Amino acid sequence: MVAVARPHAEIRAMRREDLPAVAAMEAASYDFPWTQGIFSDCLKAGHPCWVMWVEGEAAGYGVLSVAAGEAHVLNVCIGPAHRGLGLGRLLMRRLLDIARWNGATRVFLEVRPSNPIAQKLYESMGFDEIGRRPKYYPAKQGREDAIVMALDLLPS
């Protein structure tokens, strides 16, 4: 196996001007993508929204909701051209730090059963399955359940 070096990545707060690139990455990654308007609404609502840049190109993004000592990963994605380089783990670590900085002691997320790569990443970071949401996600053949996962954050 040949090790691939992870490229240098910059992760910064998402800006309005990032929205076209983020929405394009979302559309390239999912059959039922969020719209640019949904990302815009998340910014307006004050959700922590972060974007990852690699060599001047948007490579990933993450959106959190934080309230009452809990955080919820609403959306996280690494674009198709940047997958398999360890950037998903790097972005998730940053999102967990942001959750901690905002006072969260527990982080939740949902993941599709049809996305074993994401499940494996989350499990390797300490997330545990705590339940299922039946018919949560739209799917080509109707609806797909969501696996609900949670991670208790240790104080930094």
Protein backbone atom coordinates (compact mmCIF):
# COMPACT_ATOMS: atom_id res chain seq x y z
CA MET A 1 0.00 0.00 0.00
CA VAL A 2 1.34 3.42 -0.95
CA ALA A 3 0.81 6.18 1.59
CA VAL A 4 -0.65 9.35 0.14
CA ALA A 5 0.41 12.57 1.81
CA ARG A 6 -2.47 14.68 3.06
CA PRO A 7 -2.41 18.07 1.36
CA HIS A 8 -2.25 21.27 3.39
CA ALA A 9 -5.80 22.32 4.25
CA GLU A 10 -7.15 25.61 5.56
CA ILE A 11 -10.39 25.46 7.53
CA ARG A 12 -12.15 28.74 8.11
CA ALA A 13 -15.59 30.13 8.81
CA MET A 14 -17.87 29.88 5.79
CA ARG A 15 -18.68 33.15 4.04
CA ARG A 16 -21.48 34.12 1.69
CA GLU A 17 -19.06 34.07 -1.23
CA ASP A 18 -18.28 30.40 -0.47
CA LEU A 19 -21.89 29.33 -1.00
CA PRO A 20 -21.72 28.62 -4.77
CA ALA A 21 -18.68 26.35 -4.32
CA VAL A 22 -20.22 24.64 -1.28
CA ALA A 23 -23.56 24.09 -3.05
CA ALA A 24 -21.75 22.70 -6.12
CA MET A 25 -19.80 20.26 -3.93
CA GLU A 26 -23.02 19.23 -2.19
CA ALA A 27 -24.73 18.62 -5.55
CA ALA A 28 -21.76 16.55 -6.77
CA SER A 29 -21.84 14.44 -3.58
CA TYR A 30 -25.49 13.64 -2.87
CA ASP A 31 -28.57 12.51 -4.79
CA PHE A 32 -30.75 14.77 -2.61
CA PRO A 33 -28.51 17.79 -1.91
CA TRP A 34 -29.09 20.82 0.23
CA THR A 35 -29.66 23.93 -1.85
CA GLN A 36 -27.53 27.05 -1.73
CA GLY A 37 -30.48 28.66 0.06
CA ILE A 38 -30.31 26.11 2.88
CA PHE A 39 -26.63 26.87 3.43
CA SER A 40 -27.45 30.59 3.34
CA ASP A 41 -30.17 30.06 5.96
CA CYS A 42 -27.67 28.23 8.19
CA LEU A 43 -25.32 31.21 8.00
CA LYS A 44 -28.18 33.62 8.75
CA ALA A 45 -29.24 31.49 11.74
CA GLY A 46 -25.74 31.76 13.17
CA HIS A 47 -24.91 28.05 12.95
CA PRO A 48 -21.17 27.38 12.99
CA CYS A 49 -20.48 26.78 9.27
CA TRP A 50 -16.95 25.94 8.17
CA VAL A 51 -15.30 25.39 4.83
CA MET A 52 -12.05 23.61 4.00
CA TRP A 53 -9.83 24.86 1.21
CA VAL A 54 -6.98 22.91 -0.40
CA GLU A 55 -4.75 24.69 -2.91
CA GLY A 56 -7.35 27.38 -3.55
CA GLU A 57 -10.19 24.91 -4.10
CA ALA A 58 -13.13 24.19 -1.81
CA ALA A 59 -12.53 20.64 -0.58
CA GLY A 60 -15.09 20.20 2.20
CA TYR A 61 -17.48 21.85 4.61
CA GLY A 62 -19.30 21.26 7.85
CA VAL A 63 -22.36 22.77 9.51
CA LEU A 64 -23.14 22.47 13.23
CA SER A 65 -26.03 23.41 15.45
CA VAL A 66 -25.06 24.10 19.06
CA ALA A 67 -27.50 24.71 21.92
CA ALA A 68 -28.07 23.70 25.54
CA GLY A 69 -24.73 21.93 25.87
CA GLU A 70 -25.24 19.75 22.79
CA ALA A 71 -24.05 19.96 19.21
CA HIS A 72 -25.53 18.37 16.12
CA VAL A 73 -23.54 17.84 12.94
CA LEU A 74 -26.13 18.95 10.39
CA ASN A 75 -24.03 18.40 7.29
CA VAL A 76 -20.44 17.42 6.61
CA CYS A 77 -18.87 16.61 3.27
CA ILE A 78 -15.55 16.17 1.52
CA GLY A 79 -15.82 16.78 -2.21
CA PRO A 80 -15.30 13.85 -4.60
CA ALA A 81 -11.89 15.09 -5.80
CA HIS A 82 -10.49 15.20 -2.24
CA ARG A 83 -11.73 11.96 -0.70
CA GLY A 84 -9.40 9.31 0.68
CA LEU A 85 -6.77 11.81 1.88
CA GLY A 86 -7.72 12.01 5.57
CA LEU A 87 -9.48 15.35 5.13
CA GLY A 88 -12.78 14.04 6.53
CA ARG A 89 -11.09 13.17 9.83
CA LEU A 90 -9.36 16.57 9.90
CA LEU A 91 -12.65 18.39 9.28
CA MET A 92 -14.52 16.33 11.88
CA ARG A 93 -11.81 17.07 14.46
CA ARG A 94 -12.25 20.78 13.79
CA LEU A 95 -16.04 20.48 14.11
CA LEU A 96 -15.63 18.69 17.45
CA ASP A 97 -13.28 21.45 18.64
CA ILE A 98 -15.83 24.07 17.60
CA ALA A 99 -18.57 22.17 19.45
CA ARG A 100 -16.36 22.11 22.58
CA TRP A 101 -15.54 25.83 22.26
CA ASN A 102 -19.29 26.51 22.12
CA GLY A 103 -19.90 24.60 25.36
CA ALA A 104 -21.17 21.29 23.96
CA THR A 105 -20.51 18.16 25.99
CA ARG A 106 -22.21 15.77 23.55
CA VAL A 107 -22.33 15.69 19.74
CA PHE A 108 -24.97 13.96 17.64
CA LEU A 109 -25.16 13.14 13.95
CA GLU A 110 -27.14 11.01 11.52
CA VAL A 111 -25.59 8.87 8.82
CA ARG A 112 -27.11 6.74 6.09
CA PRO A 113 -26.74 2.96 6.48
CA SER A 114 -25.71 3.03 2.80
CA ASN A 115 -22.63 5.14 3.69
CA PRO A 116 -20.27 2.66 5.42
CA ILE A 117 -17.19 4.85 4.84
CA ALA A 118 -18.68 7.68 6.91
CA GLN A 119 -19.91 5.22 9.56
CA LYS A 120 -16.40 3.79 9.90
CA LEU A 121 -14.90 7.28 10.24
CA TYR A 122 -17.38 8.29 12.95
CA GLU A 123 -16.90 5.02 14.86
CA SER A 124 -13.10 5.45 14.71
CA MET A 125 -13.56 8.90 16.27
CA GLY A 126 -15.54 7.47 19.19
CA PHE A 127 -19.14 7.93 18.01
CA ASP A 128 -21.55 5.17 19.03
CA GLU A 129 -24.85 4.23 17.48
CA ILE A 130 -27.65 5.23 19.85
CA GLY A 131 -30.69 4.65 17.68
CA ARG A 132 -32.35 4.82 14.29
CA ARG A 133 -34.69 7.29 12.63
CA PRO A 134 -36.98 5.33 10.32
CA LYS A 135 -37.39 6.71 6.79
CA TYR A 136 -35.35 9.82 7.66
CA TYR A 137 -33.55 10.39 4.35
CA PRO A 138 -35.01 10.65 0.86
CA ALA A 139 -33.72 7.86 -1.36
CA LYS A 140 -34.11 6.75 -4.96
CA GLN A 141 -36.36 3.90 -3.82
CA GLY A 142 -38.49 5.83 -1.31
CA ARG A 143 -36.89 6.62 2.05
CA GLU A 144 -33.82 5.41 3.95
CA ASP A 145 -33.37 5.12 7.71
CA ALA A 146 -30.77 7.17 9.56
CA ILE A 147 -28.33 5.74 12.06
CA VAL A 148 -28.17 8.19 14.98
CA MET A 149 -24.72 8.41 16.55
CA ALA A 150 -23.43 10.31 19.58
CA LEU A 151 -20.08 11.21 21.09
CA ASP A 152 -19.51 12.45 24.63
CA LEU A 153 -16.83 15.16 24.52
CA LEU A 154 -14.07 15.16 27.05
CA PRO A 155 -13.04 18.55 28.41
CA SER A 156 -10.21 20.07 26.38
